[in-house]
Every structure is written in structure tokens, then in C-alpha cells.
Amino acid sequence: MKIDFMKMFDRVVTVVFGAMMLIITLGMIIGVFSLFVDIRDMLVEQKLTEGYLKIISGVLTLFIMIELLRSIVEYFSAKRLRMTFIVDAALVFVLREIMIKLFEHKIEPSELYAMSALILVLTVLRMGSMLMYQRDTALGLRGIVTVVPKE
């Protein structure tokens, strides 16, 4: 009896990514309901500053979850992860942290410089991955692995 490990691996990856997609989708639904509750609490309790921070944080967290879900959906359709979706999620995460800390006035200049450098690196990585994807698409190499024999 011969075991096909690649088929088994593909099945396991499909199950794991499917579970991740379900968990992220449920998290997004819960997050949207939580935003409505936060808006209601902000209006009832008249704590506008605290309420704005919770709403901004919640919306940006939802954006991160959407980008992660997009990368999982792309995996199911193309059987590969696109770097642009992952980098987009990382960019939104870092921007979220900067915005929250700036809003709370709890960020040190050195931390702001470090996060700005991280944003610069992620932006360059995103642009590079986008250019590579466009080049592969233009050359018809999307999803094709080529082997060049040695001479």
C-alpha cells in the first residue's frame, strides 16, 4: 500500500485553512456586533473620548481580519499565499498601534521612529511583491513552476 503524502498534506492544509477561515469569519461577525454595542455605550454613557478609541481600534482590527481572510481565500483559489495581503494586514496592524498610542498620548519618540521604519520596510516589501506579481502575470508564470536544466 502506497501512501500519497502530498494528497494527505493538501487535505490537512485545506482543513486547517478552512477552520481558520471559519474562525476569522465568526470573529468578524462578533467584532461588528461589538462595534454596535460600543457605539450604544458611547452614546448612553457620554464617554466620547473613550468610545472613539474603542471604535477606532475595533474598525482597524476588523480591517486586519479582512486582510487575513483575503489571504486565506486567495490560497483556496490559487493554492498559494499572496504576500501583498499578508503585508497589508501587517501594515494595518502597525498603523493601528500607532494611531491608538498617538490618540492616548502614550508613545515615545523612539518607539514612533521604530514603527515608522517598520512601516517603510513593509511598504517596500509590499511594492516589491506587487511588482513581482505583475511581472509573473505579464509573463504568464502565475502559478507555474519552471525548472531550467543546467548546461
N, C-alpha and C. Protein backbone atom coordinates (compact mmCIF):
# COMPACT_ATOMS: atom_id res chain seq x y z
N MET A 1 0.85 -1.18 0.00
CA MET A 1 0.00 0.00 0.00
C MET A 1 0.89 1.24 0.00
N LYS A 2 0.65 2.10 -0.97
CA LYS A 2 1.46 3.32 -1.12
C LYS A 2 0.65 4.52 -0.60
N ILE A 3 1.28 5.28 0.27
CA ILE A 3 0.63 6.45 0.84
C ILE A 3 1.09 7.68 0.06
N ASP A 4 0.13 8.45 -0.43
CA ASP A 4 0.45 9.69 -1.15
C ASP A 4 0.47 10.83 -0.14
N PHE A 5 1.68 11.18 0.29
CA PHE A 5 1.83 12.20 1.33
C PHE A 5 1.42 13.58 0.84
N MET A 6 1.57 13.88 -0.43
CA MET A 6 1.18 15.19 -0.95
C MET A 6 -0.34 15.37 -0.88
N LYS A 7 -1.09 14.34 -1.22
CA LYS A 7 -2.55 14.44 -1.13
C LYS A 7 -2.98 14.58 0.32
N MET A 8 -2.32 13.84 1.21
CA MET A 8 -2.63 13.93 2.62
C MET A 8 -2.30 15.33 3.15
N PHE A 9 -1.15 15.86 2.74
CA PHE A 9 -0.77 17.21 3.13
C PHE A 9 -1.78 18.23 2.63
N ASP A 10 -2.19 18.11 1.36
CA ASP A 10 -3.18 19.04 0.79
C ASP A 10 -4.49 18.98 1.56
N ARG A 11 -4.92 17.80 1.94
CA ARG A 11 -6.16 17.67 2.70
C ARG A 11 -6.05 18.32 4.07
N VAL A 12 -4.92 18.09 4.73
CA VAL A 12 -4.72 18.67 6.06
C VAL A 12 -4.69 20.20 5.96
N VAL A 13 -3.97 20.72 4.98
CA VAL A 13 -3.89 22.17 4.80
C VAL A 13 -5.27 22.74 4.50
N THR A 14 -6.05 22.05 3.67
CA THR A 14 -7.40 22.50 3.35
C THR A 14 -8.28 22.55 4.60
N VAL A 15 -8.19 21.53 5.44
CA VAL A 15 -8.98 21.50 6.67
C VAL A 15 -8.53 22.62 7.62
N VAL A 16 -7.22 22.79 7.78
CA VAL A 16 -6.71 23.81 8.69
C VAL A 16 -7.09 25.21 8.20
N PHE A 17 -6.90 25.48 6.91
CA PHE A 17 -7.24 26.81 6.38
C PHE A 17 -8.75 27.03 6.41
N GLY A 18 -9.52 25.98 6.20
CA GLY A 18 -10.97 26.10 6.31
C GLY A 18 -11.39 26.46 7.73
N ALA A 19 -10.77 25.83 8.71
CA ALA A 19 -11.07 26.15 10.11
C ALA A 19 -10.66 27.59 10.43
N MET A 20 -9.51 28.01 9.91
CA MET A 20 -9.07 29.39 10.13
C MET A 20 -10.06 30.37 9.51
N MET A 21 -10.54 30.05 8.31
CA MET A 21 -11.49 30.93 7.64
C MET A 21 -12.78 31.04 8.46
N LEU A 22 -13.24 29.92 8.99
CA LEU A 22 -14.45 29.93 9.81
C LEU A 22 -14.25 30.76 11.07
N ILE A 23 -13.11 30.58 11.73
CA ILE A 23 -12.84 31.31 12.97
C ILE A 23 -12.74 32.82 12.71
N ILE A 24 -12.05 33.20 11.65
CA ILE A 24 -11.90 34.62 11.33
C ILE A 24 -13.25 35.22 10.95
N THR A 25 -14.07 34.48 10.19
CA THR A 25 -15.40 34.98 9.82
C THR A 25 -16.26 35.17 11.06
N LEU A 26 -16.25 34.20 11.96
CA LEU A 26 -17.00 34.35 13.21
C LEU A 26 -16.48 35.53 14.03
N GLY A 27 -15.16 35.70 14.05
CA GLY A 27 -14.57 36.83 14.76
C GLY A 27 -15.00 38.16 14.18
N MET A 28 -15.11 38.22 12.85
CA MET A 28 -15.55 39.46 12.21
C MET A 28 -17.01 39.76 12.54
N ILE A 29 -17.85 38.74 12.54
CA ILE A 29 -19.26 38.94 12.88
C ILE A 29 -19.38 39.43 14.32
N ILE A 30 -18.65 38.80 15.23
CA ILE A 30 -18.67 39.22 16.63
C ILE A 30 -18.12 40.65 16.76
N GLY A 31 -17.08 40.95 15.99
CA GLY A 31 -16.50 42.29 16.03
C GLY A 31 -17.46 43.37 15.57
N VAL A 32 -18.26 43.09 14.55
CA VAL A 32 -19.25 44.07 14.07
C VAL A 32 -20.32 44.30 15.14
N PHE A 33 -20.81 43.21 15.74
CA PHE A 33 -21.79 43.37 16.82
C PHE A 33 -21.18 44.16 17.99
N SER A 34 -19.92 43.90 18.29
CA SER A 34 -19.24 44.61 19.36
C SER A 34 -19.14 46.11 19.06
N LEU A 35 -18.91 46.45 17.78
CA LEU A 35 -18.87 47.87 17.40
C LEU A 35 -20.20 48.56 17.66
N PHE A 36 -21.29 47.88 17.34
CA PHE A 36 -22.61 48.47 17.60
C PHE A 36 -22.84 48.65 19.10
N VAL A 37 -22.41 47.70 19.89
CA VAL A 37 -22.54 47.81 21.34
C VAL A 37 -21.69 48.97 21.85
N ASP A 38 -20.47 49.11 21.31
CA ASP A 38 -19.60 50.22 21.72
C ASP A 38 -20.21 51.57 21.37
N ILE A 39 -20.84 51.66 20.20
CA ILE A 39 -21.49 52.92 19.81
C ILE A 39 -22.64 53.23 20.76
N ARG A 40 -23.43 52.22 21.08
CA ARG A 40 -24.55 52.42 22.02
C ARG A 40 -24.03 52.85 23.38
N ASP A 41 -22.99 52.18 23.87
CA ASP A 41 -22.41 52.54 25.17
C ASP A 41 -21.86 53.95 25.16
N MET A 42 -21.23 54.33 24.05
CA MET A 42 -20.65 55.67 23.95
C MET A 42 -21.75 56.73 24.01
N LEU A 43 -22.88 56.47 23.36
CA LEU A 43 -23.96 57.45 23.36
C LEU A 43 -24.69 57.49 24.70
N VAL A 44 -24.86 56.34 25.34
CA VAL A 44 -25.59 56.28 26.60
C VAL A 44 -24.76 56.84 27.75
N GLU A 45 -23.49 56.44 27.83
CA GLU A 45 -22.65 56.83 28.96
C GLU A 45 -21.96 58.18 28.77
N GLN A 46 -22.06 58.76 27.59
CA GLN A 46 -21.46 60.07 27.29
C GLN A 46 -19.94 60.09 27.50
N LYS A 47 -19.27 58.95 27.25
CA LYS A 47 -17.81 58.88 27.33
C LYS A 47 -17.27 58.87 25.91
N LEU A 48 -17.24 60.06 25.30
CA LEU A 48 -16.91 60.15 23.89
C LEU A 48 -15.47 59.79 23.58
N THR A 49 -14.52 60.30 24.35
CA THR A 49 -13.12 60.04 24.06
C THR A 49 -12.79 58.56 24.17
N GLU A 50 -13.23 57.95 25.24
CA GLU A 50 -13.00 56.52 25.44
C GLU A 50 -13.74 55.71 24.36
N GLY A 51 -14.93 56.14 24.00
CA GLY A 51 -15.71 55.45 22.99
C GLY A 51 -15.08 55.53 21.61
N TYR A 52 -14.52 56.70 21.27
CA TYR A 52 -13.86 56.84 19.97
C TYR A 52 -12.68 55.88 19.86
N LEU A 53 -11.91 55.77 20.92
CA LEU A 53 -10.75 54.88 20.91
C LEU A 53 -11.19 53.42 20.69
N LYS A 54 -12.23 53.00 21.37
CA LYS A 54 -12.72 51.63 21.20
C LYS A 54 -13.23 51.40 19.78
N ILE A 55 -13.93 52.38 19.23
CA ILE A 55 -14.48 52.22 17.88
C ILE A 55 -13.37 52.20 16.84
N ILE A 56 -12.41 53.11 16.95
CA ILE A 56 -11.29 53.15 16.00
C ILE A 56 -10.50 51.85 16.08
N SER A 57 -10.23 51.40 17.28
CA SER A 57 -9.50 50.14 17.47
C SER A 57 -10.28 48.97 16.88
N GLY A 58 -11.57 48.93 17.11
CA GLY A 58 -12.40 47.85 16.58
C GLY A 58 -12.45 47.83 15.06
N VAL A 59 -12.59 49.00 14.45
CA VAL A 59 -12.65 49.08 12.99
C VAL A 59 -11.32 48.63 12.38
N LEU A 60 -10.22 49.11 12.93
CA LEU A 60 -8.92 48.72 12.39
C LEU A 60 -8.64 47.23 12.61
N THR A 61 -9.10 46.68 13.72
CA THR A 61 -8.95 45.24 13.94
C THR A 61 -9.75 44.46 12.90
N LEU A 62 -10.93 44.95 12.56
CA LEU A 62 -11.72 44.30 11.51
C LEU A 62 -11.01 44.35 10.17
N PHE A 63 -10.34 45.46 9.87
CA PHE A 63 -9.56 45.54 8.62
C PHE A 63 -8.46 44.49 8.60
N ILE A 64 -7.80 44.29 9.73
CA ILE A 64 -6.75 43.27 9.81
C ILE A 64 -7.35 41.89 9.54
N MET A 65 -8.48 41.61 10.15
CA MET A 65 -9.12 40.31 9.96
C MET A 65 -9.56 40.12 8.50
N ILE A 66 -10.04 41.19 7.87
CA ILE A 66 -10.43 41.10 6.46
C ILE A 66 -9.23 40.77 5.59
N GLU A 67 -8.10 41.40 5.84
CA GLU A 67 -6.90 41.11 5.04
C GLU A 67 -6.43 39.67 5.24
N LEU A 68 -6.48 39.20 6.47
CA LEU A 68 -6.11 37.80 6.71
C LEU A 68 -7.06 36.84 6.02
N LEU A 69 -8.35 37.15 6.05
CA LEU A 69 -9.33 36.31 5.38
C LEU A 69 -9.11 36.33 3.87
N ARG A 70 -8.77 37.49 3.33
CA ARG A 70 -8.49 37.57 1.89
C ARG A 70 -7.31 36.70 1.51
N SER A 71 -6.29 36.63 2.36
CA SER A 71 -5.14 35.80 2.03
C SER A 71 -5.51 34.32 2.07
N ILE A 72 -6.40 33.93 2.98
CA ILE A 72 -6.84 32.53 3.04
C ILE A 72 -7.70 32.19 1.83
N VAL A 73 -8.59 33.09 1.44
CA VAL A 73 -9.41 32.86 0.25
C VAL A 73 -8.53 32.75 -0.98
N GLU A 74 -7.51 33.58 -1.07
CA GLU A 74 -6.58 33.51 -2.20
C GLU A 74 -5.85 32.17 -2.22
N TYR A 75 -5.55 31.64 -1.05
CA TYR A 75 -4.90 30.34 -1.00
C TYR A 75 -5.80 29.26 -1.59
N PHE A 76 -7.09 29.32 -1.25
CA PHE A 76 -8.02 28.32 -1.78
C PHE A 76 -8.19 28.44 -3.29
N SER A 77 -8.13 29.65 -3.82
CA SER A 77 -8.35 29.80 -5.26
C SER A 77 -7.08 29.56 -6.07
N ALA A 78 -5.92 29.95 -5.55
CA ALA A 78 -4.68 29.83 -6.32
C ALA A 78 -3.70 28.82 -5.75
N LYS A 79 -4.01 28.25 -4.58
CA LYS A 79 -3.13 27.30 -3.90
C LYS A 79 -1.77 27.90 -3.55
N ARG A 80 -1.79 29.19 -3.28
CA ARG A 80 -0.58 29.86 -2.79
C ARG A 80 -1.00 31.11 -2.04
N LEU A 81 -0.14 31.56 -1.15
CA LEU A 81 -0.40 32.77 -0.38
C LEU A 81 0.22 33.96 -1.11
N ARG A 82 -0.55 35.01 -1.24
CA ARG A 82 -0.01 36.23 -1.85
C ARG A 82 0.57 37.11 -0.76
N MET A 83 1.78 37.53 -0.97
CA MET A 83 2.49 38.34 0.01
C MET A 83 1.79 39.69 0.24
N THR A 84 1.14 40.23 -0.80
CA THR A 84 0.54 41.55 -0.66
C THR A 84 -0.54 41.57 0.41
N PHE A 85 -1.36 40.52 0.50
CA PHE A 85 -2.43 40.50 1.50
C PHE A 85 -1.84 40.41 2.91
N ILE A 86 -0.80 39.62 3.06
CA ILE A 86 -0.18 39.46 4.38
C ILE A 86 0.50 40.76 4.81
N VAL A 87 1.20 41.40 3.88
CA VAL A 87 1.86 42.67 4.19
C VAL A 87 0.82 43.75 4.47
N ASP A 88 -0.30 43.74 3.74
CA ASP A 88 -1.36 44.70 4.01
C ASP A 88 -1.88 44.56 5.44
N ALA A 89 -2.07 43.32 5.87
CA ALA A 89 -2.53 43.09 7.25
C ALA A 89 -1.50 43.59 8.25
N ALA A 90 -0.22 43.35 7.98
CA ALA A 90 0.83 43.83 8.88
C ALA A 90 0.87 45.35 8.91
N LEU A 91 0.73 45.99 7.76
CA LEU A 91 0.71 47.46 7.71
C LEU A 91 -0.45 48.03 8.51
N VAL A 92 -1.63 47.46 8.33
CA VAL A 92 -2.79 47.94 9.07
C VAL A 92 -2.59 47.72 10.57
N PHE A 93 -1.97 46.59 10.95
CA PHE A 93 -1.72 46.32 12.36
C PHE A 93 -0.78 47.37 12.97
N VAL A 94 0.31 47.67 12.28
CA VAL A 94 1.27 48.66 12.80
C VAL A 94 0.63 50.05 12.84
N LEU A 95 -0.10 50.41 11.80
CA LEU A 95 -0.78 51.70 11.79
C LEU A 95 -1.82 51.79 12.91
N ARG A 96 -2.49 50.68 13.17
CA ARG A 96 -3.47 50.64 14.26
C ARG A 96 -2.79 50.93 15.59
N GLU A 97 -1.66 50.28 15.82
CA GLU A 97 -0.94 50.50 17.08
C GLU A 97 -0.47 51.95 17.21
N ILE A 98 0.04 52.51 16.13
CA ILE A 98 0.50 53.91 16.17
C ILE A 98 -0.67 54.84 16.45
N MET A 99 -1.78 54.62 15.77
CA MET A 99 -2.94 55.51 15.96
C MET A 99 -3.47 55.44 17.38
N ILE A 100 -3.54 54.24 17.93
CA ILE A 100 -4.05 54.10 19.30
C ILE A 100 -3.12 54.78 20.29
N LYS A 101 -1.83 54.55 20.14
CA LYS A 101 -0.88 55.15 21.08
C LYS A 101 -0.80 56.66 20.92
N LEU A 102 -0.91 57.16 19.69
CA LEU A 102 -0.94 58.60 19.49
C LEU A 102 -2.19 59.21 20.11
N PHE A 103 -3.31 58.55 19.94
CA PHE A 103 -4.57 59.04 20.49
C PHE A 103 -4.53 59.09 22.01
N GLU A 104 -3.89 58.09 22.62
CA GLU A 104 -3.78 58.04 24.08
C GLU A 104 -2.62 58.88 24.61
N HIS A 105 -1.81 59.44 23.71
CA HIS A 105 -0.61 60.21 24.09
C HIS A 105 0.35 59.35 24.91
N LYS A 106 0.54 58.08 24.51
CA LYS A 106 1.40 57.15 25.24
C LYS A 106 2.46 56.56 24.33
N ILE A 107 3.06 57.36 23.48
CA ILE A 107 4.09 56.83 22.59
C ILE A 107 5.35 57.65 22.74
N GLU A 108 6.45 56.94 22.86
CA GLU A 108 7.76 57.58 22.98
C GLU A 108 8.29 57.87 21.57
N PRO A 109 9.10 58.90 21.42
CA PRO A 109 9.65 59.22 20.09
C PRO A 109 10.44 58.05 19.48
N SER A 110 11.21 57.35 20.31
CA SER A 110 11.99 56.23 19.78
C SER A 110 11.08 55.12 19.26
N GLU A 111 9.97 54.88 19.95
CA GLU A 111 9.00 53.88 19.51
C GLU A 111 8.33 54.31 18.20
N LEU A 112 8.05 55.60 18.09
CA LEU A 112 7.46 56.12 16.86
C LEU A 112 8.43 55.98 15.69
N TYR A 113 9.71 56.27 15.93
CA TYR A 113 10.72 56.11 14.87
C TYR A 113 10.84 54.65 14.44
N ALA A 114 10.85 53.75 15.41
CA ALA A 114 10.97 52.32 15.09
C ALA A 114 9.76 51.83 14.29
N MET A 115 8.58 52.24 14.68
CA MET A 115 7.38 51.82 13.95
C MET A 115 7.34 52.45 12.56
N SER A 116 7.84 53.68 12.45
CA SER A 116 7.90 54.32 11.14
C SER A 116 8.86 53.58 10.21
N ALA A 117 9.98 53.14 10.77
CA ALA A 117 10.93 52.35 9.98
C ALA A 117 10.31 51.02 9.56
N LEU A 118 9.55 50.40 10.46
CA LEU A 118 8.86 49.16 10.12
C LEU A 118 7.84 49.39 9.01
N ILE A 119 7.12 50.49 9.07
CA ILE A 119 6.16 50.81 8.00
C ILE A 119 6.89 51.00 6.68
N LEU A 120 8.04 51.65 6.71
CA LEU A 120 8.82 51.85 5.49
C LEU A 120 9.25 50.51 4.90
N VAL A 121 9.75 49.61 5.74
CA VAL A 121 10.19 48.30 5.27
C VAL A 121 9.01 47.51 4.71
N LEU A 122 7.87 47.53 5.42
CA LEU A 122 6.69 46.80 4.95
C LEU A 122 6.18 47.38 3.63
N THR A 123 6.25 48.70 3.48
CA THR A 123 5.82 49.33 2.24
C THR A 123 6.71 48.93 1.08
N VAL A 124 8.02 48.92 1.29
CA VAL A 124 8.95 48.48 0.24
C VAL A 124 8.70 47.01 -0.09
N LEU A 125 8.47 46.19 0.92
CA LEU A 125 8.16 44.78 0.70
C LEU A 125 6.87 44.62 -0.09
N ARG A 126 5.88 45.41 0.22
CA ARG A 126 4.60 45.35 -0.50
C ARG A 126 4.77 45.77 -1.94
N MET A 127 5.49 46.83 -2.17
CA MET A 127 5.71 47.28 -3.54
C MET A 127 6.49 46.25 -4.34
N GLY A 128 7.50 45.65 -3.71
CA GLY A 128 8.29 44.63 -4.39
C GLY A 128 7.46 43.40 -4.72
N SER A 129 6.62 42.96 -3.77
CA SER A 129 5.79 41.79 -4.03
C SER A 129 4.74 42.09 -5.09
N MET A 130 4.24 43.31 -5.11
CA MET A 130 3.27 43.70 -6.12
C MET A 130 3.91 43.72 -7.51
N LEU A 131 5.12 44.24 -7.58
CA LEU A 131 5.83 44.26 -8.87
C LEU A 131 6.16 42.85 -9.35
N MET A 132 6.56 41.98 -8.44
CA MET A 132 6.85 40.59 -8.82
C MET A 132 5.60 39.88 -9.30
N TYR A 133 4.46 40.14 -8.66
CA TYR A 133 3.20 39.52 -9.06
C TYR A 133 2.80 40.00 -10.46
N GLN A 134 2.95 41.31 -10.70
CA GLN A 134 2.62 41.85 -12.02
C GLN A 134 3.55 41.30 -13.09
N ARG A 135 4.81 41.15 -12.76
CA ARG A 135 5.76 40.59 -13.73
C ARG A 135 5.42 39.15 -14.05
N ASP A 136 5.11 38.36 -13.02
CA ASP A 136 4.74 36.96 -13.23
C ASP A 136 3.47 36.83 -14.05
N THR A 137 2.50 37.71 -13.78
CA THR A 137 1.25 37.68 -14.53
C THR A 137 1.50 38.07 -15.98
N ALA A 138 2.32 39.07 -16.22
CA ALA A 138 2.61 39.51 -17.59
C ALA A 138 3.36 38.44 -18.38
N LEU A 139 4.22 37.70 -17.70
CA LEU A 139 4.98 36.65 -18.38
C LEU A 139 4.22 35.33 -18.45
N GLY A 140 3.05 35.28 -17.83
CA GLY A 140 2.28 34.04 -17.85
C GLY A 140 2.81 32.99 -16.90
N LEU A 141 3.55 33.42 -15.87
CA LEU A 141 4.17 32.48 -14.93
C LEU A 141 3.34 32.28 -13.67
N ARG A 142 2.20 32.91 -13.57
CA ARG A 142 1.41 32.84 -12.35
C ARG A 142 1.01 31.40 -12.06
N GLY A 143 1.50 30.88 -10.95
CA GLY A 143 1.14 29.54 -10.52
C GLY A 143 1.91 28.44 -11.23
N ILE A 144 2.88 28.81 -12.08
CA ILE A 144 3.64 27.80 -12.82
C ILE A 144 5.06 27.77 -12.27
N VAL A 145 5.52 26.60 -11.97
CA VAL A 145 6.89 26.43 -11.51
C VAL A 145 7.69 25.87 -12.69
N THR A 146 8.75 26.56 -13.05
CA THR A 146 9.56 26.09 -14.17
C THR A 146 10.90 25.62 -13.66
N VAL A 147 11.41 24.59 -14.30
CA VAL A 147 12.71 24.06 -13.97
C VAL A 147 13.61 24.27 -15.18
N VAL A 148 14.70 24.97 -14.96
CA VAL A 148 15.64 25.23 -16.04
C VAL A 148 16.79 24.25 -15.88
N PRO A 149 17.02 23.42 -16.89
CA PRO A 149 18.12 22.45 -16.78
C PRO A 149 19.47 23.14 -16.83
N LYS A 150 20.42 22.57 -16.09
CA LYS A 150 21.79 23.11 -16.09
C LYS A 150 22.48 22.65 -17.36
N GLU A 151 23.33 23.52 -17.86
CA GLU A 151 24.07 23.17 -19.08
C GLU A 151 25.40 22.54 -18.77
